[in-house]
Amino acid sequence: MAGAYWIAHVKVTDPEAYGKYAQGAGPAIAKHGGKFLARGTRYVQLEGNDRSRNVLAWFPSLEAAETCYHSDEYQAALAHAKGASERDLMILEASDEL
């Protein structure tokens, strides 16, 4: 399953505002071919900074994931997350060898 992974580590500081982000982000991600593999599930923090919410989404390509991030729909949702969370977000291209 080549493609790309959208990996987010989040500390939510305003659950109400972040909930508005989640309502808009999900449809924007789906519109660009994204599928959630894990979000808000159990985890074990072994190294680095602990963030209580972790999300893994798959996209058909790195370009699709990046296009989603820059889309009007996602940016509108993201406006609710700014100031309501501390986030690290990256896109990682999957290996064709898997």
PDB file of N, CA and C in Angstrom:
ATOM      1  N   MET A   1       0.847  -1.172   0.000  1.00  0.00           N
ATOM      2  CA  MET A   1       0.000   0.000   0.000  1.00  0.00           C
ATOM      3  C   MET A   1       0.893   1.235   0.000  1.00  0.00           C
ATOM      4  N   ALA A   2       1.375   1.621  -1.154  1.00  0.00           N
ATOM      5  CA  ALA A   2       2.168   2.845  -1.251  1.00  0.00           C
ATOM      6  C   ALA A   2       1.260   4.028  -0.947  1.00  0.00           C
ATOM      7  N   GLY A   3       1.751   5.183  -1.063  1.00  0.00           N
ATOM      8  CA  GLY A   3       1.000   6.395  -0.752  1.00  0.00           C
ATOM      9  C   GLY A   3       1.797   7.216   0.231  1.00  0.00           C
ATOM     10  N   ALA A   4       1.097   7.854   1.140  1.00  0.00           N
ATOM     11  CA  ALA A   4       1.763   8.691   2.131  1.00  0.00           C
ATOM     12  C   ALA A   4       0.950   8.709   3.415  1.00  0.00           C
ATOM     13  N   TYR A   5       1.642   8.922   4.514  1.00  0.00           N
ATOM     14  CA  TYR A   5       1.014   8.979   5.824  1.00  0.00           C
ATOM     15  C   TYR A   5       1.063  10.403   6.366  1.00  0.00           C
ATOM     16  N   TRP A   6      -0.056  10.842   6.861  1.00  0.00           N
ATOM     17  CA  TRP A   6      -0.214  12.134   7.527  1.00  0.00           C
ATOM     18  C   TRP A   6      -0.146  11.794   9.006  1.00  0.00           C
ATOM     19  N   ILE A   7       0.858  12.289   9.699  1.00  0.00           N
ATOM     20  CA  ILE A   7       1.093  11.941  11.093  1.00  0.00           C
ATOM     21  C   ILE A   7       0.995  13.205  11.941  1.00  0.00           C
ATOM     22  N   ALA A   8       0.060  13.201  12.882  1.00  0.00           N
ATOM     23  CA  ALA A   8      -0.135  14.365  13.745  1.00  0.00           C
ATOM     24  C   ALA A   8      -0.029  13.947  15.203  1.00  0.00           C
ATOM     25  N   HIS A   9       0.641  14.775  15.974  1.00  0.00           N
ATOM     26  CA  HIS A   9       0.743  14.617  17.427  1.00  0.00           C
ATOM     27  C   HIS A   9       0.206  15.916  18.015  1.00  0.00           C
ATOM     28  N   VAL A  10      -0.833  15.816  18.837  1.00  0.00           N
ATOM     29  CA  VAL A  10      -1.574  17.002  19.256  1.00  0.00           C
ATOM     30  C   VAL A  10      -1.813  17.011  20.761  1.00  0.00           C
ATOM     31  N   LYS A  11      -1.650  18.179  21.357  1.00  0.00           N
ATOM     32  CA  LYS A  11      -2.098  18.439  22.720  1.00  0.00           C
ATOM     33  C   LYS A  11      -3.234  19.444  22.591  1.00  0.00           C
ATOM     34  N   VAL A  12      -4.442  19.016  22.913  1.00  0.00           N
ATOM     35  CA  VAL A  12      -5.619  19.877  22.805  1.00  0.00           C
ATOM     36  C   VAL A  12      -5.699  20.757  24.050  1.00  0.00           C
ATOM     37  N   THR A  13      -5.780  22.078  23.842  1.00  0.00           N
ATOM     38  CA  THR A  13      -5.876  23.019  24.959  1.00  0.00           C
ATOM     39  C   THR A  13      -7.264  23.645  25.066  1.00  0.00           C
ATOM     40  N   ASP A  14      -8.064  23.549  24.007  1.00  0.00           N
ATOM     41  CA  ASP A  14      -9.442  24.053  24.007  1.00  0.00           C
ATOM     42  C   ASP A  14     -10.311  23.030  23.274  1.00  0.00           C
ATOM     43  N   PRO A  15     -10.890  22.073  24.012  1.00  0.00           N
ATOM     44  CA  PRO A  15     -11.646  20.993  23.381  1.00  0.00           C
ATOM     45  C   PRO A  15     -12.815  21.461  22.512  1.00  0.00           C
ATOM     46  N   GLU A  16     -13.494  22.513  22.905  1.00  0.00           N
ATOM     47  CA  GLU A  16     -14.645  22.993  22.125  1.00  0.00           C
ATOM     48  C   GLU A  16     -14.198  23.498  20.750  1.00  0.00           C
ATOM     49  N   ALA A  17     -13.188  24.350  20.730  1.00  0.00           N
ATOM     50  CA  ALA A  17     -12.685  24.871  19.456  1.00  0.00           C
ATOM     51  C   ALA A  17     -12.060  23.755  18.628  1.00  0.00           C
ATOM     52  N   TYR A  18     -11.355  22.846  19.283  1.00  0.00           N
ATOM     53  CA  TYR A  18     -10.720  21.755  18.546  1.00  0.00           C
ATOM     54  C   TYR A  18     -11.767  20.827  17.950  1.00  0.00           C
ATOM     55  N   GLY A  19     -12.887  20.686  18.617  1.00  0.00           N
ATOM     56  CA  GLY A  19     -13.987  19.898  18.071  1.00  0.00           C
ATOM     57  C   GLY A  19     -14.490  20.475  16.756  1.00  0.00           C
ATOM     58  N   LYS A  20     -14.522  21.794  16.650  1.00  0.00           N
ATOM     59  CA  LYS A  20     -14.920  22.445  15.392  1.00  0.00           C
ATOM     60  C   LYS A  20     -13.898  22.150  14.294  1.00  0.00           C
ATOM     61  N   TYR A  21     -12.620  22.126  14.671  1.00  0.00           N
ATOM     62  CA  TYR A  21     -11.584  21.748  13.714  1.00  0.00           C
ATOM     63  C   TYR A  21     -11.849  20.334  13.192  1.00  0.00           C
ATOM     64  N   ALA A  22     -12.088  19.397  14.102  1.00  0.00           N
ATOM     65  CA  ALA A  22     -12.281  17.998  13.719  1.00  0.00           C
ATOM     66  C   ALA A  22     -13.486  17.829  12.803  1.00  0.00           C
ATOM     67  N   GLN A  23     -14.550  18.587  13.047  1.00  0.00           N
ATOM     68  CA  GLN A  23     -15.745  18.502  12.204  1.00  0.00           C
ATOM     69  C   GLN A  23     -15.441  18.881  10.759  1.00  0.00           C
ATOM     70  N   GLY A  24     -14.592  19.872  10.554  1.00  0.00           N
ATOM     71  CA  GLY A  24     -14.262  20.304   9.197  1.00  0.00           C
ATOM     72  C   GLY A  24     -13.108  19.543   8.588  1.00  0.00           C
ATOM     73  N   ALA A  25     -12.169  19.097   9.422  1.00  0.00           N
ATOM     74  CA  ALA A  25     -10.974  18.422   8.901  1.00  0.00           C
ATOM     75  C   ALA A  25     -11.302  17.060   8.309  1.00  0.00           C
ATOM     76  N   GLY A  26     -12.171  16.303   8.964  1.00  0.00           N
ATOM     77  CA  GLY A  26     -12.511  14.963   8.480  1.00  0.00           C
ATOM     78  C   GLY A  26     -13.018  14.962   7.046  1.00  0.00           C
ATOM     79  N   PRO A  27     -14.025  15.764   6.728  1.00  0.00           N
ATOM     80  CA  PRO A  27     -14.509  15.810   5.348  1.00  0.00           C
ATOM     81  C   PRO A  27     -13.454  16.312   4.353  1.00  0.00           C
ATOM     82  N   ALA A  28     -12.630  17.266   4.766  1.00  0.00           N
ATOM     83  CA  ALA A  28     -11.581  17.769   3.873  1.00  0.00           C
ATOM     84  C   ALA A  28     -10.568  16.671   3.565  1.00  0.00           C
ATOM     85  N   ILE A  29     -10.206  15.906   4.570  1.00  0.00           N
ATOM     86  CA  ILE A  29      -9.254  14.811   4.382  1.00  0.00           C
ATOM     87  C   ILE A  29      -9.853  13.747   3.470  1.00  0.00           C
ATOM     88  N   ALA A  30     -11.104  13.381   3.701  1.00  0.00           N
ATOM     89  CA  ALA A  30     -11.766  12.382   2.857  1.00  0.00           C
ATOM     90  C   ALA A  30     -11.870  12.857   1.409  1.00  0.00           C
ATOM     91  N   LYS A  31     -12.143  14.129   1.204  1.00  0.00           N
ATOM     92  CA  LYS A  31     -12.270  14.693  -0.151  1.00  0.00           C
ATOM     93  C   LYS A  31     -10.988  14.508  -0.957  1.00  0.00           C
ATOM     94  N   HIS A  32      -9.857  14.464  -0.279  1.00  0.00           N
ATOM     95  CA  HIS A  32      -8.564  14.329  -0.948  1.00  0.00           C
ATOM     96  C   HIS A  32      -8.039  12.896  -0.908  1.00  0.00           C
ATOM     97  N   GLY A  33      -8.924  11.953  -0.637  1.00  0.00           N
ATOM     98  CA  GLY A  33      -8.548  10.541  -0.667  1.00  0.00           C
ATOM     99  C   GLY A  33      -7.966  10.016   0.622  1.00  0.00           C
ATOM    100  N   GLY A  34      -7.973  10.824   1.674  1.00  0.00           N
ATOM    101  CA  GLY A  34      -7.411  10.409   2.950  1.00  0.00           C
ATOM    102  C   GLY A  34      -8.331   9.479   3.713  1.00  0.00           C
ATOM    103  N   LYS A  35      -7.726   8.551   4.431  1.00  0.00           N
ATOM    104  CA  LYS A  35      -8.459   7.608   5.274  1.00  0.00           C
ATOM    105  C   LYS A  35      -7.759   7.525   6.620  1.00  0.00           C
ATOM    106  N   PHE A  36      -8.529   7.661   7.678  1.00  0.00           N
ATOM    107  CA  PHE A  36      -7.941   7.567   9.015  1.00  0.00           C
ATOM    108  C   PHE A  36      -7.613   6.119   9.330  1.00  0.00           C
ATOM    109  N   LEU A  37      -6.390   5.875   9.762  1.00  0.00           N
ATOM    110  CA  LEU A  37      -5.959   4.553  10.215  1.00  0.00           C
ATOM    111  C   LEU A  37      -5.994   4.472  11.739  1.00  0.00           C
ATOM    112  N   ALA A  38      -5.735   5.589  12.395  1.00  0.00           N
ATOM    113  CA  ALA A  38      -5.803   5.674  13.861  1.00  0.00           C
ATOM    114  C   ALA A  38      -5.976   7.133  14.235  1.00  0.00           C
ATOM    115  N   ARG A  39      -6.831   7.375  15.209  1.00  0.00           N
ATOM    116  CA  ARG A  39      -6.967   8.735  15.748  1.00  0.00           C
ATOM    117  C   ARG A  39      -7.547   8.670  17.147  1.00  0.00           C
ATOM    118  N   GLY A  40      -6.781   9.203  18.069  1.00  0.00           N
ATOM    119  CA  GLY A  40      -7.218   9.237  19.447  1.00  0.00           C
ATOM    120  C   GLY A  40      -7.254   7.876  20.129  1.00  0.00           C
ATOM    121  N   THR A  41      -6.561   6.899  19.566  1.00  0.00           N
ATOM    122  CA  THR A  41      -6.557   5.564  20.149  1.00  0.00           C
ATOM    123  C   THR A  41      -5.445   5.440  21.191  1.00  0.00           C
ATOM    124  N   ARG A  42      -5.385   4.297  21.847  1.00  0.00           N
ATOM    125  CA  ARG A  42      -4.351   4.056  22.863  1.00  0.00           C
ATOM    126  C   ARG A  42      -2.969   4.115  22.227  1.00  0.00           C
ATOM    127  N   TYR A  43      -1.998   4.524  23.017  1.00  0.00           N
ATOM    128  CA  TYR A  43      -0.610   4.600  22.546  1.00  0.00           C
ATOM    129  C   TYR A  43       0.325   4.470  23.730  1.00  0.00           C
ATOM    130  N   VAL A  44       1.584   4.236  23.438  1.00  0.00           N
ATOM    131  CA  VAL A  44       2.635   4.204  24.445  1.00  0.00           C
ATOM    132  C   VAL A  44       3.713   5.177  23.985  1.00  0.00           C
ATOM    133  N   GLN A  45       3.998   6.183  24.779  1.00  0.00           N
ATOM    134  CA  GLN A  45       5.032   7.166  24.459  1.00  0.00           C
ATOM    135  C   GLN A  45       6.372   6.629  24.948  1.00  0.00           C
ATOM    136  N   LEU A  46       7.285   6.370  24.042  1.00  0.00           N
ATOM    137  CA  LEU A  46       8.585   5.811  24.415  1.00  0.00           C
ATOM    138  C   LEU A  46       9.690   6.863  24.452  1.00  0.00           C
ATOM    139  N   GLU A  47       9.626   7.835  23.561  1.00  0.00           N
ATOM    140  CA  GLU A  47      10.631   8.901  23.524  1.00  0.00           C
ATOM    141  C   GLU A  47       9.962  10.186  23.065  1.00  0.00           C
ATOM    142  N   GLY A  48      10.645  11.301  23.283  1.00  0.00           N
ATOM    143  CA  GLY A  48      10.165  12.584  22.770  1.00  0.00           C
ATOM    144  C   GLY A  48       9.027  13.173  23.582  1.00  0.00           C
ATOM    145  N   ASN A  49       8.381  14.163  22.973  1.00  0.00           N
ATOM    146  CA  ASN A  49       7.313  14.902  23.634  1.00  0.00           C
ATOM    147  C   ASN A  49       5.994  14.141  23.566  1.00  0.00           C
ATOM    148  N   ASP A  50       5.366  14.016  24.724  1.00  0.00           N
ATOM    149  CA  ASP A  50       4.076  13.325  24.792  1.00  0.00           C
ATOM    150  C   ASP A  50       2.966  14.285  24.401  1.00  0.00           C
ATOM    151  N   ARG A  51       2.186  13.894  23.433  1.00  0.00           N
ATOM    152  CA  ARG A  51       0.985  14.629  23.036  1.00  0.00           C
ATOM    153  C   ARG A  51      -0.169  13.652  23.160  1.00  0.00           C
ATOM    154  N   SER A  52      -1.234  14.047  23.816  1.00  0.00           N
ATOM    155  CA  SER A  52      -2.290  13.104  24.184  1.00  0.00           C
ATOM    156  C   SER A  52      -3.160  12.637  23.018  1.00  0.00           C
ATOM    157  N   ARG A  53      -3.104  13.315  21.872  1.00  0.00           N
ATOM    158  CA  ARG A  53      -3.898  12.895  20.718  1.00  0.00           C
ATOM    159  C   ARG A  53      -2.950  12.644  19.553  1.00  0.00           C
ATOM    160  N   ASN A  54      -3.046  11.462  18.987  1.00  0.00           N
ATOM    161  CA  ASN A  54      -2.189  11.074  17.873  1.00  0.00           C
ATOM    162  C   ASN A  54      -3.073  10.592  16.732  1.00  0.00           C
ATOM    163  N   VAL A  55      -2.733  11.023  15.517  1.00  0.00           N
ATOM    164  CA  VAL A  55      -3.555  10.713  14.345  1.00  0.00           C
ATOM    165  C   VAL A  55      -2.661  10.198  13.228  1.00  0.00           C
ATOM    166  N   LEU A  56      -3.119   9.130  12.594  1.00  0.00           N
ATOM    167  CA  LEU A  56      -2.440   8.579  11.423  1.00  0.00           C
ATOM    168  C   LEU A  56      -3.478   8.430  10.324  1.00  0.00           C
ATOM    169  N   ALA A  57      -3.239   9.110   9.210  1.00  0.00           N
ATOM    170  CA  ALA A  57      -4.135   9.010   8.052  1.00  0.00           C
ATOM    171  C   ALA A  57      -3.308   8.612   6.840  1.00  0.00           C
ATOM    172  N   TRP A  58      -3.923   7.861   5.940  1.00  0.00           N
ATOM    173  CA  TRP A  58      -3.270   7.444   4.708  1.00  0.00           C
ATOM    174  C   TRP A  58      -3.849   8.244   3.547  1.00  0.00           C
ATOM    175  N   PHE A  59      -2.986   8.651   2.624  1.00  0.00           N
ATOM    176  CA  PHE A  59      -3.387   9.327   1.396  1.00  0.00           C
ATOM    177  C   PHE A  59      -2.788   8.571   0.220  1.00  0.00           C
ATOM    178  N   PRO A  60      -3.395   8.681  -0.953  1.00  0.00           N
ATOM    179  CA  PRO A  60      -2.876   7.960  -2.120  1.00  0.00           C
ATOM    180  C   PRO A  60      -1.484   8.427  -2.559  1.00  0.00           C
ATOM    181  N   SER A  61      -1.088   9.639  -2.173  1.00  0.00           N
ATOM    182  CA  SER A  61       0.244  10.142  -2.527  1.00  0.00           C
ATOM    183  C   SER A  61       0.629  11.268  -1.578  1.00  0.00           C
ATOM    184  N   LEU A  62       1.908  11.569  -1.539  1.00  0.00           N
ATOM    185  CA  LEU A  62       2.393  12.694  -0.757  1.00  0.00           C
ATOM    186  C   LEU A  62       1.770  13.981  -1.268  1.00  0.00           C
ATOM    187  N   GLU A  63       1.642  14.082  -2.589  1.00  0.00           N
ATOM    188  CA  GLU A  63       1.074  15.289  -3.195  1.00  0.00           C
ATOM    189  C   GLU A  63      -0.391  15.474  -2.800  1.00  0.00           C
ATOM    190  N   ALA A  64      -1.149  14.373  -2.742  1.00  0.00           N
ATOM    191  CA  ALA A  64      -2.558  14.467  -2.338  1.00  0.00           C
ATOM    192  C   ALA A  64      -2.672  14.955  -0.902  1.00  0.00           C
ATOM    193  N   ALA A  65      -1.810  14.461  -0.021  1.00  0.00           N
ATOM    194  CA  ALA A  65      -1.834  14.880   1.379  1.00  0.00           C
ATOM    195  C   ALA A  65      -1.463  16.349   1.510  1.00  0.00           C
ATOM    196  N   GLU A  66      -0.464  16.770   0.762  1.00  0.00           N
ATOM    197  CA  GLU A  66      -0.046  18.173   0.828  1.00  0.00           C
ATOM    198  C   GLU A  66      -1.110  19.089   0.231  1.00  0.00           C
ATOM    199  N   THR A  67      -1.731  18.650  -0.861  1.00  0.00           N
ATOM    200  CA  THR A  67      -2.814  19.435  -1.465  1.00  0.00           C
ATOM    201  C   THR A  67      -3.963  19.586  -0.485  1.00  0.00           C
ATOM    202  N   CYS A  68      -4.272  18.522   0.235  1.00  0.00           N
ATOM    203  CA  CYS A  68      -5.319  18.577   1.252  1.00  0.00           C
ATOM    204  C   CYS A  68      -4.988  19.639   2.293  1.00  0.00           C
ATOM    205  N   TYR A  69      -3.766  19.611   2.795  1.00  0.00           N
ATOM    206  CA  TYR A  69      -3.371  20.563   3.832  1.00  0.00           C
ATOM    207  C   TYR A  69      -3.565  22.004   3.370  1.00  0.00           C
ATOM    208  N   HIS A  70      -3.227  22.283   2.129  1.00  0.00           N
ATOM    209  CA  HIS A  70      -3.304  23.653   1.609  1.00  0.00           C
ATOM    210  C   HIS A  70      -4.682  24.008   1.059  1.00  0.00           C
ATOM    211  N   SER A  71      -5.612  23.061   1.041  1.00  0.00           N
ATOM    212  CA  SER A  71      -6.943  23.313   0.471  1.00  0.00           C
ATOM    213  C   SER A  71      -7.717  24.317   1.323  1.00  0.00           C
ATOM    214  N   ASP A  72      -8.639  25.005   0.672  1.00  0.00           N
ATOM    215  CA  ASP A  72      -9.480  25.971   1.380  1.00  0.00           C
ATOM    216  C   ASP A  72     -10.269  25.299   2.496  1.00  0.00           C
ATOM    217  N   GLU A  73     -10.783  24.093   2.237  1.00  0.00           N
ATOM    218  CA  GLU A  73     -11.589  23.390   3.230  1.00  0.00           C
ATOM    219  C   GLU A  73     -10.780  23.056   4.485  1.00  0.00           C
ATOM    220  N   TYR A  74      -9.572  22.540   4.279  1.00  0.00           N
ATOM    221  CA  TYR A  74      -8.762  22.174   5.431  1.00  0.00           C
ATOM    222  C   TYR A  74      -8.283  23.418   6.171  1.00  0.00           C
ATOM    223  N   GLN A  75      -7.899  24.450   5.449  1.00  0.00           N
ATOM    224  CA  GLN A  75      -7.425  25.667   6.103  1.00  0.00           C
ATOM    225  C   GLN A  75      -8.535  26.324   6.930  1.00  0.00           C
ATOM    226  N   ALA A  76      -9.775  26.230   6.439  1.00  0.00           N
ATOM    227  CA  ALA A  76     -10.901  26.760   7.220  1.00  0.00           C
ATOM    228  C   ALA A  76     -11.054  25.982   8.522  1.00  0.00           C
ATOM    229  N   ALA A  77     -10.915  24.675   8.457  1.00  0.00           N
ATOM    230  CA  ALA A  77     -10.987  23.853   9.673  1.00  0.00           C
ATOM    231  C   ALA A  77      -9.806  24.159  10.589  1.00  0.00           C
ATOM    232  N   LEU A  78      -8.623  24.275  10.008  1.00  0.00           N
ATOM    233  CA  LEU A  78      -7.406  24.502  10.780  1.00  0.00           C
ATOM    234  C   LEU A  78      -7.461  25.802  11.576  1.00  0.00           C
ATOM    235  N   ALA A  79      -8.196  26.773  11.101  1.00  0.00           N
ATOM    236  CA  ALA A  79      -8.328  28.037  11.822  1.00  0.00           C
ATOM    237  C   ALA A  79      -8.876  27.805  13.234  1.00  0.00           C
ATOM    238  N   HIS A  80      -9.701  26.780  13.419  1.00  0.00           N
ATOM    239  CA  HIS A  80     -10.249  26.460  14.749  1.00  0.00           C
ATOM    240  C   HIS A  80      -9.204  25.798  15.648  1.00  0.00           C
ATOM    241  N   ALA A  81      -8.240  25.098  15.056  1.00  0.00           N
ATOM    242  CA  ALA A  81      -7.213  24.399  15.849  1.00  0.00           C
ATOM    243  C   ALA A  81      -6.133  25.353  16.340  1.00  0.00           C
ATOM    244  N   LYS A  82      -5.905  26.406  15.596  1.00  0.00           N
ATOM    245  CA  LYS A  82      -4.872  27.368  16.004  1.00  0.00           C
ATOM    246  C   LYS A  82      -5.323  28.075  17.276  1.00  0.00           C
ATOM    247  N   GLY A  83      -4.496  28.055  18.276  1.00  0.00           N
ATOM    248  CA  GLY A  83      -4.846  28.617  19.568  1.00  0.00           C
ATOM    249  C   GLY A  83      -5.608  27.635  20.448  1.00  0.00           C
ATOM    250  N   ALA A  84      -6.035  26.507  19.875  1.00  0.00           N
ATOM    251  CA  ALA A  84      -6.780  25.501  20.630  1.00  0.00           C
ATOM    252  C   ALA A  84      -5.967  24.230  20.819  1.00  0.00           C
ATOM    253  N   SER A  85      -4.716  24.256  20.301  1.00  0.00           N
ATOM    254  CA  SER A  85      -3.903  23.046  20.374  1.00  0.00           C
ATOM    255  C   SER A  85      -2.441  23.383  20.124  1.00  0.00           C
ATOM    256  N   GLU A  86      -1.603  22.446  20.554  1.00  0.00           N
ATOM    257  CA  GLU A  86      -0.187  22.445  20.181  1.00  0.00           C
ATOM    258  C   GLU A  86      -0.035  21.230  19.285  1.00  0.00           C
ATOM    259  N   ARG A  87       0.473  21.421  18.065  1.00  0.00           N
ATOM    260  CA  ARG A  87       0.474  20.340  17.081  1.00  0.00           C
ATOM    261  C   ARG A  87       1.818  20.188  16.392  1.00  0.00           C
ATOM    262  N   ASP A  88       2.133  18.963  16.101  1.00  0.00           N
ATOM    263  CA  ASP A  88       3.207  18.628  15.176  1.00  0.00           C
ATOM    264  C   ASP A  88       2.532  17.821  14.080  1.00  0.00           C
ATOM    265  N   LEU A  89       2.798  18.176  12.832  1.00  0.00           N
ATOM    266  CA  LEU A  89       2.168  17.490  11.706  1.00  0.00           C
ATOM    267  C   LEU A  89       3.215  17.282  10.627  1.00  0.00           C
ATOM    268  N   MET A  90       3.246  16.069  10.091  1.00  0.00           N
ATOM    269  CA  MET A  90       4.163  15.788   8.997  1.00  0.00           C
ATOM    270  C   MET A  90       3.494  14.840   8.022  1.00  0.00           C
ATOM    271  N   ILE A  91       4.014  14.806   6.813  1.00  0.00           N
ATOM    272  CA  ILE A  91       3.588  13.847   5.800  1.00  0.00           C
ATOM    273  C   ILE A  91       4.806  12.996   5.475  1.00  0.00           C
ATOM    274  N   LEU A  92       4.627  11.684   5.516  1.00  0.00           N
ATOM    275  CA  LEU A  92       5.722  10.749   5.280  1.00  0.00           C
ATOM    276  C   LEU A  92       5.343   9.839   4.120  1.00  0.00           C
ATOM    277  N   GLU A  93       6.135   9.849   3.070  1.00  0.00           N
ATOM    278  CA  GLU A  93       5.860   8.996   1.917  1.00  0.00           C
ATOM    279  C   GLU A  93       6.114   7.533   2.276  1.00  0.00           C
ATOM    280  N   ALA A  94       5.181   6.676   1.890  1.00  0.00           N
ATOM    281  CA  ALA A  94       5.308   5.258   2.167  1.00  0.00           C
ATOM    282  C   ALA A  94       6.321   4.624   1.213  1.00  0.00           C
ATOM    283  N   SER A  95       6.921   3.553   1.649  1.00  0.00           N
ATOM    284  CA  SER A  95       7.872   2.830   0.831  1.00  0.00           C
ATOM    285  C   SER A  95       7.135   1.902  -0.130  1.00  0.00           C
ATOM    286  N   ASP A  96       7.575   1.846  -1.364  1.00  0.00           N
ATOM    287  CA  ASP A  96       6.992   0.935  -2.344  1.00  0.00           C
ATOM    288  C   ASP A  96       7.361  -0.516  -2.045  1.00  0.00           C
ATOM    289  N   GLU A  97       8.326  -0.716  -1.164  1.00  0.00           N
ATOM    290  CA  GLU A  97       8.832  -2.066  -0.873  1.00  0.00           C
ATOM    291  C   GLU A  97       7.937  -2.829   0.101  1.00  0.00           C
ATOM    292  N   LEU A  98       6.967  -2.185   0.690  1.00  0.00           N
ATOM    293  CA  LEU A  98       6.126  -2.848   1.681  1.00  0.00           C
ATOM    294  C   LEU A  98       5.030  -3.662   1.028  1.00  0.00           C
TER     295      LEU A  98
END
